[in-house]
N, C-alpha and C. Protein backbone atom coordinates (compact mmCIF):
# COMPACT_ATOMS: atom_id res chain seq x y z
N UNK A 1 19.50 28.95 -0.59
CA UNK A 1 17.57 28.53 -0.87
C UNK A 1 17.18 29.13 -1.49
N UNK A 2 16.03 29.37 -2.49
CA UNK A 2 15.48 30.00 -3.29
C UNK A 2 14.41 30.63 -2.76
N UNK A 3 13.70 32.01 -2.56
CA UNK A 3 12.78 32.58 -2.07
C UNK A 3 11.82 32.38 -2.41
N UNK A 4 10.11 31.84 -2.12
CA UNK A 4 8.84 32.23 -2.45
C UNK A 4 8.64 30.89 -3.33
N UNK A 5 9.87 29.71 -3.69
CA UNK A 5 9.15 28.17 -4.84
C UNK A 5 8.47 27.38 -3.55
N UNK A 6 8.65 27.67 -2.20
CA UNK A 6 8.33 26.34 -1.33
C UNK A 6 7.17 26.49 -0.85
N UNK A 7 5.60 25.88 -1.12
CA UNK A 7 4.28 26.23 -0.15
C UNK A 7 4.56 26.11 1.08
N UNK A 8 3.78 27.28 1.52
CA UNK A 8 3.31 27.97 3.27
C UNK A 8 2.84 27.53 3.56
N UNK A 9 2.16 26.02 3.40
CA UNK A 9 0.34 25.04 3.47
C UNK A 9 0.51 24.79 4.37
N UNK A 10 2.40 24.08 5.13
CA UNK A 10 1.90 23.07 5.82
C UNK A 10 1.26 22.67 6.86
N UNK A 11 1.04 21.22 7.06
CA UNK A 11 0.10 20.79 8.28
C UNK A 11 0.38 19.49 8.36
N UNK A 12 -0.19 19.16 10.16
CA UNK A 12 0.10 17.57 10.03
C UNK A 12 -0.76 16.96 9.27
N UNK A 13 -0.64 15.76 8.47
CA UNK A 13 -1.83 14.80 7.91
C UNK A 13 -0.80 13.10 8.24
N UNK A 14 -1.71 12.50 8.15
CA UNK A 14 -1.69 11.16 8.86
C UNK A 14 -1.66 10.41 7.44
N UNK A 15 -1.04 9.69 7.20
CA UNK A 15 -0.56 8.84 6.43
C UNK A 15 -1.13 6.77 6.81
N UNK A 16 -1.74 6.60 5.60
CA UNK A 16 -2.64 5.15 5.87
C UNK A 16 -2.16 4.09 5.15
N UNK A 17 -1.22 3.40 5.64
CA UNK A 17 -0.91 2.54 5.02
C UNK A 17 -1.86 1.47 4.85
N UNK A 18 -2.98 0.96 3.89
CA UNK A 18 -3.56 0.38 3.45
C UNK A 18 -3.95 -1.17 3.42
N UNK A 19 -2.59 -1.52 3.06
CA UNK A 19 -2.27 -3.03 2.84
C UNK A 19 -2.25 -3.49 4.50
N UNK A 20 -1.93 -2.61 5.60
CA UNK A 20 -1.62 -3.20 7.11
C UNK A 20 -2.10 -2.00 7.93
N UNK A 21 -2.85 -1.24 7.64
CA UNK A 21 -2.87 -0.61 8.23
C UNK A 21 -2.32 0.57 9.50
N UNK A 22 -0.98 0.40 8.75
CA UNK A 22 -0.40 1.08 9.44
C UNK A 22 -0.66 2.85 9.15
N UNK A 23 -0.40 3.63 10.41
CA UNK A 23 -0.58 5.25 10.35
C UNK A 23 0.74 5.69 11.17
N UNK A 24 1.10 6.78 10.15
CA UNK A 24 1.74 8.10 10.82
C UNK A 24 2.00 8.57 9.94
N UNK A 25 2.31 10.12 10.91
CA UNK A 25 1.78 11.41 10.97
C UNK A 25 3.01 11.91 10.62
N UNK A 26 2.99 13.32 9.75
CA UNK A 26 4.12 13.89 9.80
C UNK A 26 3.61 15.53 8.59
N UNK A 27 4.25 16.46 8.85
CA UNK A 27 3.85 17.34 8.07
C UNK A 27 4.10 17.07 6.13
N UNK A 28 2.77 18.01 5.75
CA UNK A 28 2.62 17.44 4.18
C UNK A 28 1.65 18.46 3.72
N UNK A 29 1.52 18.82 2.78
CA UNK A 29 0.51 20.22 1.98
C UNK A 29 -0.64 19.30 1.17
N UNK A 30 -0.55 17.74 1.30
CA UNK A 30 -1.15 17.10 0.51
C UNK A 30 -2.96 17.30 0.69
N UNK A 31 -3.93 17.70 -0.37
CA UNK A 31 -4.56 17.48 -0.56
C UNK A 31 -5.79 16.28 -0.49
N UNK A 32 -6.77 16.44 1.06
CA UNK A 32 -7.14 15.58 1.09
C UNK A 32 -8.95 15.60 2.16
N UNK A 33 -9.76 15.03 1.49
CA UNK A 33 -11.05 15.57 1.64
C UNK A 33 -11.66 14.32 3.26
N UNK A 34 -10.71 13.55 3.74
CA UNK A 34 -11.09 12.17 4.66
C UNK A 34 -10.31 12.82 5.81
N UNK A 35 -11.02 12.21 6.94
CA UNK A 35 -10.16 12.62 7.97
C UNK A 35 -9.89 11.30 9.04
N UNK A 36 -8.80 11.11 9.82
CA UNK A 36 -8.61 10.18 11.03
C UNK A 36 -8.16 10.42 11.99
N UNK A 37 -8.73 9.86 13.26
CA UNK A 37 -9.04 10.29 14.95
C UNK A 37 -7.57 9.48 15.42
N UNK A 38 -6.52 9.88 15.64
CA UNK A 38 -5.66 9.23 16.30
C UNK A 38 -4.95 10.07 17.45
N UNK A 39 -4.95 9.26 18.33
CA UNK A 39 -5.08 9.12 20.10
C UNK A 39 -5.63 10.94 20.54
N UNK A 40 -7.04 10.70 19.94
CA UNK A 40 -8.16 11.41 20.29
C UNK A 40 -8.04 13.39 19.65
N UNK A 41 -6.65 12.92 18.38
CA UNK A 41 -6.39 14.12 17.45
C UNK A 41 -6.85 14.03 15.63
N UNK A 42 -8.08 14.72 15.30
CA UNK A 42 -8.17 14.53 14.04
C UNK A 42 -7.24 15.19 13.28
N UNK A 43 -6.90 14.04 12.14
CA UNK A 43 -5.73 14.70 11.40
C UNK A 43 -6.76 14.66 9.47
N UNK A 44 -6.65 15.18 8.46
CA UNK A 44 -6.57 14.84 7.57
C UNK A 44 -5.61 13.43 7.33
N UNK A 45 -6.31 12.21 6.18
CA UNK A 45 -6.19 11.18 5.76
C UNK A 45 -6.02 11.19 4.61
N UNK A 46 -4.66 10.45 4.13
CA UNK A 46 -3.67 10.31 2.72
C UNK A 46 -3.70 8.77 2.99
N UNK A 47 -4.15 8.03 1.95
CA UNK A 47 -4.34 6.97 1.90
C UNK A 47 -3.61 5.93 0.60
N UNK A 48 -2.41 4.98 1.06
CA UNK A 48 -1.47 4.14 0.78
C UNK A 48 -1.84 3.09 0.46
N UNK A 49 -1.09 2.57 -1.05
CA UNK A 49 -1.57 1.30 -1.13
C UNK A 49 -0.32 0.75 -0.34
N UNK A 50 1.15 1.08 -0.37
CA UNK A 50 1.60 0.59 0.33
C UNK A 50 3.17 1.61 0.59
N UNK A 51 3.89 1.22 1.72
CA UNK A 51 4.57 1.86 2.74
C UNK A 51 5.69 0.97 2.94
N UNK A 52 6.75 1.89 3.95
CA UNK A 52 8.16 1.39 4.51
C UNK A 52 7.56 0.42 5.05
N UNK A 53 6.46 -0.04 5.87
CA UNK A 53 5.54 -0.76 6.50
C UNK A 53 5.49 -2.06 6.00
N UNK A 54 5.30 -2.18 4.78
CA UNK A 54 4.94 -3.06 3.78
C UNK A 54 5.66 -3.43 2.74
N UNK A 55 6.29 -2.57 2.25
CA UNK A 55 7.65 -2.71 0.60
C UNK A 55 8.51 -3.71 1.03
N UNK A 56 8.56 -5.09 0.30
CA UNK A 56 9.18 -5.37 0.34
C UNK A 56 10.87 -5.42 0.88
N UNK A 57 11.71 -4.45 0.19
CA UNK A 57 12.31 -3.68 0.40
C UNK A 57 12.60 -3.44 2.16
N UNK A 58 11.77 -3.27 2.40
CA UNK A 58 12.08 -2.38 3.73
C UNK A 58 11.76 -3.38 4.71
N UNK A 59 11.08 -4.70 4.60
CA UNK A 59 10.94 -5.23 5.15
C UNK A 59 11.47 -6.87 5.49
N UNK A 60 12.41 -7.07 3.90
CA UNK A 60 13.31 -8.17 4.04
C UNK A 60 12.53 -9.43 3.83
N UNK A 61 10.97 -9.35 2.92
CA UNK A 61 10.08 -10.27 2.74
C UNK A 61 9.41 -9.73 1.75
N UNK A 62 9.00 -11.27 0.81
CA UNK A 62 8.17 -10.71 -0.20
C UNK A 62 6.65 -10.77 -0.02
N UNK A 63 6.22 -9.77 -0.79
CA UNK A 63 4.24 -10.31 -0.21
C UNK A 63 3.65 -9.66 -1.79
N UNK A 64 2.42 -11.49 -1.03
CA UNK A 64 2.22 -10.66 -2.78
C UNK A 64 0.48 -9.68 -2.09
N UNK A 65 0.97 -8.67 -3.77
CA UNK A 65 -0.37 -7.26 -3.08
C UNK A 65 -1.35 -8.04 -4.74
N UNK A 66 -2.20 -7.89 -3.81
CA UNK A 66 -3.49 -8.32 -4.71
C UNK A 66 -3.99 -7.01 -5.66
N UNK A 67 -3.86 -7.05 -6.58
CA UNK A 67 -4.07 -6.34 -7.89
C UNK A 67 -5.31 -7.02 -8.86
N UNK A 68 -5.42 -8.20 -8.87
CA UNK A 68 -6.79 -8.26 -9.25
C UNK A 68 -8.01 -7.02 -9.56
N UNK A 69 -8.46 -7.04 -8.42
CA UNK A 69 -9.54 -5.70 -8.29
C UNK A 69 -8.82 -4.46 -9.73
N UNK A 70 -7.64 -3.89 -9.46
CA UNK A 70 -7.13 -3.12 -10.23
C UNK A 70 -7.52 -2.73 -12.08
N UNK A 71 -7.19 -4.24 -11.98
CA UNK A 71 -6.54 -4.63 -13.18
C UNK A 71 -8.04 -5.34 -13.78
N UNK A 72 -8.90 -6.18 -13.32
CA UNK A 72 -10.51 -6.18 -13.62
C UNK A 72 -11.60 -5.13 -13.99
N UNK A 73 -10.73 -3.55 -13.27
CA UNK A 73 -11.17 -2.03 -12.70
C UNK A 73 -11.12 -1.82 -14.31
N UNK A 74 -9.80 -2.05 -14.81
CA UNK A 74 -8.98 -1.25 -15.67
C UNK A 74 -9.43 -1.82 -16.93
N UNK A 75 -9.94 -3.03 -17.27
CA UNK A 75 -10.34 -3.58 -18.38
C UNK A 75 -11.94 -3.40 -18.48
N UNK A 76 -12.42 -3.15 -17.56
CA UNK A 76 -14.15 -3.04 -17.60
C UNK A 76 -13.97 -1.89 -18.25
N UNK A 77 -12.91 -0.60 -18.10
CA UNK A 77 -13.13 0.53 -18.04
C UNK A 77 -13.09 1.10 -19.86
N UNK A 78 -11.83 -0.21 -20.27
CA UNK A 78 -11.54 -0.01 -21.72
C UNK A 78 -11.70 -0.90 -21.83
N UNK A 79 -13.01 -1.18 -22.35
CA UNK A 79 -13.48 -2.68 -22.79
C UNK A 79 -14.39 -2.29 -24.08
N UNK A 80 -15.08 -0.78 -24.60
CA UNK A 80 -15.65 -0.65 -25.02
C UNK A 80 -14.66 0.41 -26.27
N UNK A 81 -13.63 0.10 -26.03
CA UNK A 81 -12.23 0.66 -27.32
C UNK A 81 -11.24 -0.78 -27.45
N UNK A 82 -12.16 -1.80 -27.31
CA UNK A 82 -11.52 -3.02 -27.98
C UNK A 82 -11.48 -2.96 -29.30
N UNK A 83 -10.71 -3.66 -30.56
CA UNK A 83 -11.04 -3.75 -31.60
C UNK A 83 -11.55 -4.82 -31.35
N UNK A 84 -12.36 -5.05 -32.61
CA UNK A 84 -13.08 -6.52 -32.83
C UNK A 84 -12.77 -6.93 -33.97
């Protein structure tokens, strides 16, 4: 393994699946300003839209993911660039 190419600021971080509120803790270097308390310990929080507990490949069942809010947000953001 080459020396000096890997980050050294690994710490325990909580990842939260926003579609089903599942939280898991692992080491990461991800930057975040939010925190969450899990079993009396406070961890930095990274929010995710989908994880192993909600992805159809891992769960074996299909699930409708609400994207309407994101699509509307995108359309509103770029409405001013529409050709007339």
